[in-house]
Amino acid sequence: MSAGKFLAGFIVGGVVGAITGLLLAPKSGEETRAMIAKTSSEIYDKTEDSLKEIKEKAQDVVGDLQKKGDELIAKVQSMLKKENTEEV
């Protein structure tokens, strides 16, 4: 499962659960609105943290891939040089 799909499911599940809980709770409108605002803020913060974490991991993966690609290019170039010197 990709991180993006997991994050989307996490967010949707959190929102649906929070809304359901708020609508079924026996509270006044003012209390419910305050709870919705608080819950929305918490979800926003968690989502922001998750996105930062995903971005950092993606940057790490890209860096690793670039490093491995550079190593592969260096090996291929070395092999080509070796073949060219053996042919001469």
N, C-alpha and C. Protein backbone atom coordinates (compact mmCIF):
# COMPACT_ATOMS: atom_id res chain seq x y z
N MET A 1 0.85 -1.17 0.00
CA MET A 1 0.00 0.00 0.00
C MET A 1 0.90 1.23 0.00
N SER A 2 0.57 2.18 -0.84
CA SER A 2 1.39 3.39 -0.90
C SER A 2 1.09 4.30 0.29
N ALA A 3 2.07 5.12 0.60
CA ALA A 3 1.92 6.04 1.73
C ALA A 3 0.79 7.04 1.47
N GLY A 4 0.63 7.45 0.23
CA GLY A 4 -0.42 8.40 -0.11
C GLY A 4 -1.81 7.83 0.12
N LYS A 5 -2.00 6.57 -0.26
CA LYS A 5 -3.31 5.94 -0.05
C LYS A 5 -3.57 5.76 1.44
N PHE A 6 -2.53 5.37 2.18
CA PHE A 6 -2.69 5.19 3.62
C PHE A 6 -3.07 6.51 4.27
N LEU A 7 -2.35 7.58 3.90
CA LEU A 7 -2.62 8.89 4.48
C LEU A 7 -4.03 9.36 4.15
N ALA A 8 -4.45 9.16 2.92
CA ALA A 8 -5.81 9.56 2.51
C ALA A 8 -6.85 8.79 3.32
N GLY A 9 -6.65 7.49 3.48
CA GLY A 9 -7.58 6.68 4.26
C GLY A 9 -7.59 7.09 5.72
N PHE A 10 -6.41 7.41 6.24
CA PHE A 10 -6.29 7.86 7.63
C PHE A 10 -7.07 9.15 7.84
N ILE A 11 -6.91 10.09 6.94
CA ILE A 11 -7.58 11.38 7.06
C ILE A 11 -9.09 11.22 6.93
N VAL A 12 -9.53 10.50 5.91
CA VAL A 12 -10.97 10.31 5.70
C VAL A 12 -11.59 9.58 6.88
N GLY A 13 -10.92 8.54 7.36
CA GLY A 13 -11.43 7.80 8.51
C GLY A 13 -11.53 8.67 9.75
N GLY A 14 -10.51 9.49 9.97
CA GLY A 14 -10.52 10.39 11.12
C GLY A 14 -11.63 11.40 11.04
N VAL A 15 -11.82 11.96 9.88
CA VAL A 15 -12.87 12.97 9.70
C VAL A 15 -14.25 12.35 9.88
N VAL A 16 -14.48 11.21 9.26
CA VAL A 16 -15.79 10.55 9.37
C VAL A 16 -16.06 10.16 10.82
N GLY A 17 -15.07 9.61 11.49
CA GLY A 17 -15.24 9.23 12.89
C GLY A 17 -15.52 10.42 13.78
N ALA A 18 -14.78 11.50 13.56
CA ALA A 18 -14.98 12.70 14.37
C ALA A 18 -16.36 13.30 14.15
N ILE A 19 -16.78 13.40 12.92
CA ILE A 19 -18.10 13.98 12.62
C ILE A 19 -19.21 13.12 13.20
N THR A 20 -19.08 11.81 13.04
CA THR A 20 -20.10 10.90 13.58
C THR A 20 -20.19 11.04 15.10
N GLY A 21 -19.05 11.06 15.74
CA GLY A 21 -19.03 11.21 17.20
C GLY A 21 -19.65 12.51 17.65
N LEU A 22 -19.35 13.59 16.93
CA LEU A 22 -19.89 14.89 17.31
C LEU A 22 -21.40 14.99 17.09
N LEU A 23 -21.85 14.41 15.99
CA LEU A 23 -23.29 14.48 15.70
C LEU A 23 -24.12 13.63 16.65
N LEU A 24 -23.55 12.57 17.15
CA LEU A 24 -24.30 11.69 18.04
C LEU A 24 -24.15 12.07 19.52
N ALA A 25 -23.26 12.99 19.83
CA ALA A 25 -23.05 13.39 21.21
C ALA A 25 -24.14 14.36 21.66
N PRO A 26 -24.63 14.18 22.87
CA PRO A 26 -25.71 15.07 23.38
C PRO A 26 -25.11 16.36 23.97
N LYS A 27 -24.75 17.29 23.10
CA LYS A 27 -24.17 18.55 23.55
C LYS A 27 -24.89 19.70 22.86
N SER A 28 -24.70 20.90 23.40
CA SER A 28 -25.32 22.07 22.80
C SER A 28 -24.60 22.42 21.50
N GLY A 29 -25.22 23.26 20.71
CA GLY A 29 -24.62 23.68 19.44
C GLY A 29 -23.28 24.37 19.62
N GLU A 30 -23.20 25.21 20.66
CA GLU A 30 -21.96 25.94 20.91
C GLU A 30 -20.83 24.97 21.29
N GLU A 31 -21.15 24.02 22.13
CA GLU A 31 -20.15 23.02 22.54
C GLU A 31 -19.73 22.17 21.34
N THR A 32 -20.70 21.81 20.52
CA THR A 32 -20.40 20.99 19.34
C THR A 32 -19.51 21.76 18.37
N ARG A 33 -19.82 23.03 18.13
CA ARG A 33 -18.99 23.84 17.23
C ARG A 33 -17.57 23.98 17.77
N ALA A 34 -17.43 24.17 19.07
CA ALA A 34 -16.10 24.28 19.67
C ALA A 34 -15.34 22.96 19.51
N MET A 35 -16.05 21.86 19.70
CA MET A 35 -15.41 20.55 19.56
C MET A 35 -15.00 20.30 18.10
N ILE A 36 -15.85 20.70 17.16
CA ILE A 36 -15.53 20.54 15.75
C ILE A 36 -14.29 21.36 15.40
N ALA A 37 -14.22 22.58 15.90
CA ALA A 37 -13.06 23.43 15.63
C ALA A 37 -11.79 22.80 16.21
N LYS A 38 -11.89 22.30 17.42
CA LYS A 38 -10.72 21.68 18.06
C LYS A 38 -10.29 20.43 17.30
N THR A 39 -11.25 19.59 16.96
CA THR A 39 -10.95 18.35 16.25
C THR A 39 -10.36 18.65 14.88
N SER A 40 -10.91 19.64 14.20
CA SER A 40 -10.39 20.02 12.88
C SER A 40 -8.94 20.49 12.99
N SER A 41 -8.66 21.25 14.01
CA SER A 41 -7.30 21.74 14.22
C SER A 41 -6.35 20.58 14.50
N GLU A 42 -6.79 19.62 15.32
CA GLU A 42 -5.95 18.46 15.63
C GLU A 42 -5.69 17.63 14.38
N ILE A 43 -6.72 17.41 13.58
CA ILE A 43 -6.57 16.63 12.35
C ILE A 43 -5.61 17.35 11.40
N TYR A 44 -5.75 18.66 11.29
CA TYR A 44 -4.86 19.45 10.43
C TYR A 44 -3.41 19.29 10.88
N ASP A 45 -3.18 19.39 12.19
CA ASP A 45 -1.82 19.27 12.72
C ASP A 45 -1.25 17.88 12.45
N LYS A 46 -2.05 16.85 12.68
CA LYS A 46 -1.58 15.47 12.44
C LYS A 46 -1.29 15.26 10.96
N THR A 47 -2.14 15.79 10.11
CA THR A 47 -1.93 15.65 8.67
C THR A 47 -0.66 16.36 8.24
N GLU A 48 -0.45 17.55 8.77
CA GLU A 48 0.75 18.31 8.44
C GLU A 48 2.00 17.55 8.87
N ASP A 49 1.98 16.97 10.07
CA ASP A 49 3.11 16.19 10.56
C ASP A 49 3.35 14.97 9.68
N SER A 50 2.28 14.29 9.29
CA SER A 50 2.40 13.11 8.44
C SER A 50 2.98 13.47 7.09
N LEU A 51 2.53 14.58 6.52
CA LEU A 51 3.04 15.00 5.23
C LEU A 51 4.52 15.36 5.30
N LYS A 52 4.94 16.00 6.39
CA LYS A 52 6.35 16.33 6.56
C LYS A 52 7.19 15.05 6.64
N GLU A 53 6.67 14.06 7.37
CA GLU A 53 7.39 12.80 7.52
C GLU A 53 7.51 12.08 6.17
N ILE A 54 6.41 12.07 5.41
CA ILE A 54 6.43 11.43 4.10
C ILE A 54 7.41 12.15 3.17
N LYS A 55 7.42 13.48 3.23
CA LYS A 55 8.34 14.26 2.39
C LYS A 55 9.79 13.93 2.74
N GLU A 56 10.10 13.84 4.03
CA GLU A 56 11.47 13.52 4.45
C GLU A 56 11.87 12.13 3.97
N LYS A 57 10.96 11.16 4.11
CA LYS A 57 11.26 9.80 3.66
C LYS A 57 11.45 9.76 2.14
N ALA A 58 10.63 10.50 1.42
CA ALA A 58 10.75 10.54 -0.04
C ALA A 58 12.10 11.15 -0.44
N GLN A 59 12.51 12.20 0.26
CA GLN A 59 13.80 12.81 -0.04
C GLN A 59 14.94 11.84 0.24
N ASP A 60 14.83 11.06 1.30
CA ASP A 60 15.84 10.05 1.61
C ASP A 60 15.92 9.01 0.50
N VAL A 61 14.76 8.56 0.04
CA VAL A 61 14.72 7.54 -1.01
C VAL A 61 15.32 8.10 -2.30
N VAL A 62 14.97 9.32 -2.65
CA VAL A 62 15.51 9.94 -3.86
C VAL A 62 17.03 10.08 -3.75
N GLY A 63 17.50 10.49 -2.59
CA GLY A 63 18.94 10.62 -2.37
C GLY A 63 19.65 9.29 -2.53
N ASP A 64 19.06 8.23 -1.95
CA ASP A 64 19.64 6.89 -2.07
C ASP A 64 19.67 6.44 -3.53
N LEU A 65 18.57 6.69 -4.25
CA LEU A 65 18.52 6.30 -5.65
C LEU A 65 19.55 7.05 -6.49
N GLN A 66 19.73 8.33 -6.21
CA GLN A 66 20.73 9.11 -6.93
C GLN A 66 22.13 8.57 -6.66
N LYS A 67 22.40 8.24 -5.41
CA LYS A 67 23.71 7.71 -5.04
C LYS A 67 23.96 6.38 -5.74
N LYS A 68 22.98 5.49 -5.72
CA LYS A 68 23.13 4.19 -6.37
C LYS A 68 23.26 4.34 -7.89
N GLY A 69 22.53 5.28 -8.44
CA GLY A 69 22.65 5.55 -9.88
C GLY A 69 24.03 6.04 -10.24
N ASP A 70 24.57 6.94 -9.43
CA ASP A 70 25.92 7.45 -9.67
C ASP A 70 26.95 6.32 -9.57
N GLU A 71 26.77 5.44 -8.58
CA GLU A 71 27.68 4.30 -8.43
C GLU A 71 27.61 3.38 -9.64
N LEU A 72 26.40 3.13 -10.12
CA LEU A 72 26.21 2.27 -11.28
C LEU A 72 26.86 2.88 -12.52
N ILE A 73 26.67 4.16 -12.70
CA ILE A 73 27.29 4.85 -13.85
C ILE A 73 28.81 4.75 -13.77
N ALA A 74 29.35 4.94 -12.59
CA ALA A 74 30.81 4.85 -12.41
C ALA A 74 31.30 3.44 -12.73
N LYS A 75 30.58 2.41 -12.32
CA LYS A 75 30.97 1.03 -12.61
C LYS A 75 30.93 0.74 -14.10
N VAL A 76 29.86 1.20 -14.75
CA VAL A 76 29.74 0.98 -16.20
C VAL A 76 30.86 1.70 -16.94
N GLN A 77 31.14 2.92 -16.54
CA GLN A 77 32.22 3.67 -17.19
C GLN A 77 33.56 2.97 -16.97
N SER A 78 33.77 2.47 -15.78
CA SER A 78 35.01 1.75 -15.47
C SER A 78 35.13 0.50 -16.33
N MET A 79 34.04 -0.24 -16.47
CA MET A 79 34.05 -1.45 -17.30
C MET A 79 34.32 -1.11 -18.76
N LEU A 80 33.72 -0.03 -19.24
CA LEU A 80 33.93 0.39 -20.63
C LEU A 80 35.38 0.80 -20.87
N LYS A 81 35.96 1.51 -19.92
CA LYS A 81 37.36 1.90 -20.04
C LYS A 81 38.26 0.68 -20.05
N LYS A 82 37.94 -0.28 -19.19
CA LYS A 82 38.73 -1.50 -19.11
C LYS A 82 38.67 -2.26 -20.44
N GLU A 83 37.47 -2.37 -21.04
CA GLU A 83 37.31 -3.04 -22.30
C GLU A 83 38.07 -2.32 -23.41
N ASN A 84 38.00 -0.99 -23.42
CA ASN A 84 38.70 -0.22 -24.44
C ASN A 84 40.21 -0.36 -24.33
N THR A 85 40.75 -0.42 -23.13
CA THR A 85 42.19 -0.57 -22.96
C THR A 85 42.64 -1.97 -23.31
N GLU A 86 41.79 -2.99 -23.13
CA GLU A 86 42.13 -4.36 -23.47
C GLU A 86 42.11 -4.57 -24.98
N GLU A 87 41.27 -3.85 -25.69
CA GLU A 87 41.16 -3.99 -27.14
C GLU A 87 42.36 -3.37 -27.84
N VAL A 88 42.97 -2.39 -27.27
CA VAL A 88 44.06 -1.67 -27.93
C VAL A 88 45.31 -2.42 -27.82
